[in-house]
Amino acid sequence: IQSPKIIISASGMLSGGRILHHLKCFGPNPKNTILITGYQAVGTRGARLLNHETRLKIHGEMVDIRAQIIELTSTSAHADYEEILE
């Protein structure tokens, strides 16, 4: 039985690393939420999820993503205009 959890994982555009294992394991469950923060380049898994694609190729296998996808645009790894001027 899987208990509720929050996983914070790197790989900003869902291109590699542990996030792929998390997507493969937790992405198919519609009870889960994937929160995407930051910029997603065109053609990346992150951008495809934000464009409502429901199947991603992960480790050579097509995975159905049924989790809710939410984009949080208020965070970024880059400084904004005011921060640069300071």
C-alpha atoms as a PDB file:
ATOM      1  CA  ILE A   1       0.000   0.000   0.000  1.00  0.00           C
ATOM      2  CA  GLN A   2       1.420   3.341  -1.018  1.00  0.00           C
ATOM      3  CA  SER A   3       1.023   6.096   1.539  1.00  0.00           C
ATOM      4  CA  PRO A   4       0.604   9.793   0.643  1.00  0.00           C
ATOM      5  CA  LYS A   5       3.868  11.577  -0.055  1.00  0.00           C
ATOM      6  CA  ILE A   6       5.415  14.675  -1.556  1.00  0.00           C
ATOM      7  CA  ILE A   7       8.408  14.151  -3.812  1.00  0.00           C
ATOM      8  CA  ILE A   8      10.563  17.105  -4.785  1.00  0.00           C
ATOM      9  CA  SER A   9      12.749  16.135  -7.706  1.00  0.00           C
ATOM     10  CA  ALA A  10      15.207  17.931  -9.949  1.00  0.00           C
ATOM     11  CA  SER A  11      15.343  17.871 -13.753  1.00  0.00           C
ATOM     12  CA  GLY A  12      13.526  20.995 -14.728  1.00  0.00           C
ATOM     13  CA  MET A  13      12.234  19.763 -18.089  1.00  0.00           C
ATOM     14  CA  LEU A  14      11.672  16.134 -17.069  1.00  0.00           C
ATOM     15  CA  SER A  15      14.563  15.120 -19.305  1.00  0.00           C
ATOM     16  CA  GLY A  16      16.498  12.750 -17.069  1.00  0.00           C
ATOM     17  CA  GLY A  17      17.348  11.612 -13.576  1.00  0.00           C
ATOM     18  CA  ARG A  18      15.098  10.352 -10.781  1.00  0.00           C
ATOM     19  CA  ILE A  19      12.103  12.327 -12.052  1.00  0.00           C
ATOM     20  CA  LEU A  20      11.691   9.781 -14.848  1.00  0.00           C
ATOM     21  CA  HIS A  21      11.310   6.993 -12.293  1.00  0.00           C
ATOM     22  CA  HIS A  22       8.781   9.103 -10.365  1.00  0.00           C
ATOM     23  CA  LEU A  23       6.804   9.848 -13.545  1.00  0.00           C
ATOM     24  CA  LYS A  24       6.749   6.189 -14.510  1.00  0.00           C
ATOM     25  CA  CYS A  25       5.680   5.078 -11.037  1.00  0.00           C
ATOM     26  CA  PHE A  26       3.250   7.836 -10.016  1.00  0.00           C
ATOM     27  CA  GLY A  27       2.192   9.439 -13.312  1.00  0.00           C
ATOM     28  CA  PRO A  28      -0.407   6.797 -14.249  1.00  0.00           C
ATOM     29  CA  ASN A  29      -2.430   7.336 -11.049  1.00  0.00           C
ATOM     30  CA  PRO A  30      -5.149  10.017 -11.401  1.00  0.00           C
ATOM     31  CA  LYS A  31      -5.018  10.581  -7.624  1.00  0.00           C
ATOM     32  CA  ASN A  32      -1.528  12.070  -7.996  1.00  0.00           C
ATOM     33  CA  THR A  33      -0.501  15.596  -8.963  1.00  0.00           C
ATOM     34  CA  ILE A  34       2.606  16.627 -10.875  1.00  0.00           C
ATOM     35  CA  LEU A  35       3.535  20.238 -10.146  1.00  0.00           C
ATOM     36  CA  ILE A  36       5.789  21.717 -12.824  1.00  0.00           C
ATOM     37  CA  THR A  37       7.753  24.835 -11.944  1.00  0.00           C
ATOM     38  CA  GLY A  38       9.877  26.876 -14.277  1.00  0.00           C
ATOM     39  CA  TYR A  39      10.412  27.087 -18.002  1.00  0.00           C
ATOM     40  CA  GLN A  40       9.704  24.060 -20.223  1.00  0.00           C
ATOM     41  CA  ALA A  41      11.413  24.087 -23.624  1.00  0.00           C
ATOM     42  CA  VAL A  42       9.389  23.015 -26.654  1.00  0.00           C
ATOM     43  CA  GLY A  43       9.590  19.275 -27.251  1.00  0.00           C
ATOM     44  CA  THR A  44      10.547  18.328 -23.683  1.00  0.00           C
ATOM     45  CA  ARG A  45       8.462  15.986 -21.568  1.00  0.00           C
ATOM     46  CA  GLY A  46       7.556  18.898 -19.307  1.00  0.00           C
ATOM     47  CA  ALA A  47       6.258  20.972 -22.217  1.00  0.00           C
ATOM     48  CA  ARG A  48       4.341  18.002 -23.588  1.00  0.00           C
ATOM     49  CA  LEU A  49       2.608  17.467 -20.241  1.00  0.00           C
ATOM     50  CA  LEU A  50       1.698  21.156 -20.090  1.00  0.00           C
ATOM     51  CA  ASN A  51       0.247  20.780 -23.600  1.00  0.00           C
ATOM     52  CA  HIS A  52      -2.062  18.043 -22.256  1.00  0.00           C
ATOM     53  CA  GLU A  53      -0.273  15.066 -23.784  1.00  0.00           C
ATOM     54  CA  THR A  54      -1.167  11.945 -21.834  1.00  0.00           C
ATOM     55  CA  ARG A  55       1.483   9.507 -23.073  1.00  0.00           C
ATOM     56  CA  LEU A  56       5.215   9.930 -22.611  1.00  0.00           C
ATOM     57  CA  LYS A  57       8.103   7.722 -23.647  1.00  0.00           C
ATOM     58  CA  ILE A  58      10.100   6.931 -20.522  1.00  0.00           C
ATOM     59  CA  HIS A  59      13.030   4.496 -20.616  1.00  0.00           C
ATOM     60  CA  GLY A  60      11.879   3.209 -23.995  1.00  0.00           C
ATOM     61  CA  GLU A  61       8.343   2.485 -22.805  1.00  0.00           C
ATOM     62  CA  MET A  62       5.146   4.446 -23.454  1.00  0.00           C
ATOM     63  CA  VAL A  63       3.606   5.503 -20.130  1.00  0.00           C
ATOM     64  CA  ASP A  64       0.051   6.793 -19.746  1.00  0.00           C
ATOM     65  CA  ILE A  65       0.043   9.882 -17.547  1.00  0.00           C
ATOM     66  CA  ARG A  66      -3.265  10.265 -15.736  1.00  0.00           C
ATOM     67  CA  ALA A  67      -2.014  12.399 -12.840  1.00  0.00           C
ATOM     68  CA  GLN A  68      -3.227  15.979 -12.630  1.00  0.00           C
ATOM     69  CA  ILE A  69      -0.680  18.381 -14.152  1.00  0.00           C
ATOM     70  CA  ILE A  70      -0.338  21.828 -12.583  1.00  0.00           C
ATOM     71  CA  GLU A  71       2.025  24.576 -13.689  1.00  0.00           C
ATOM     72  CA  LEU A  72       3.364  26.905 -11.005  1.00  0.00           C
ATOM     73  CA  THR A  73       4.719  29.962 -12.793  1.00  0.00           C
ATOM     74  CA  SER A  74       5.593  32.052  -9.738  1.00  0.00           C
ATOM     75  CA  THR A  75       8.927  30.314  -9.160  1.00  0.00           C
ATOM     76  CA  SER A  76      12.064  30.305 -11.254  1.00  0.00           C
ATOM     77  CA  ALA A  77      15.743  29.507 -10.951  1.00  0.00           C
ATOM     78  CA  HIS A  78      16.556  32.841 -12.569  1.00  0.00           C
ATOM     79  CA  ALA A  79      16.541  36.346 -11.155  1.00  0.00           C
ATOM     80  CA  ASP A  80      13.827  38.715 -12.293  1.00  0.00           C
ATOM     81  CA  TYR A  81      14.361  42.259 -13.578  1.00  0.00           C
ATOM     82  CA  GLU A  82      14.364  43.901 -10.125  1.00  0.00           C
ATOM     83  CA  GLU A  83      16.745  41.316  -8.665  1.00  0.00           C
ATOM     84  CA  ILE A  84      19.210  41.844 -11.497  1.00  0.00           C
ATOM     85  CA  LEU A  85      19.234  45.610 -10.904  1.00  0.00           C
ATOM     86  CA  GLU A  86      19.982  45.129  -7.206  1.00  0.00           C
END
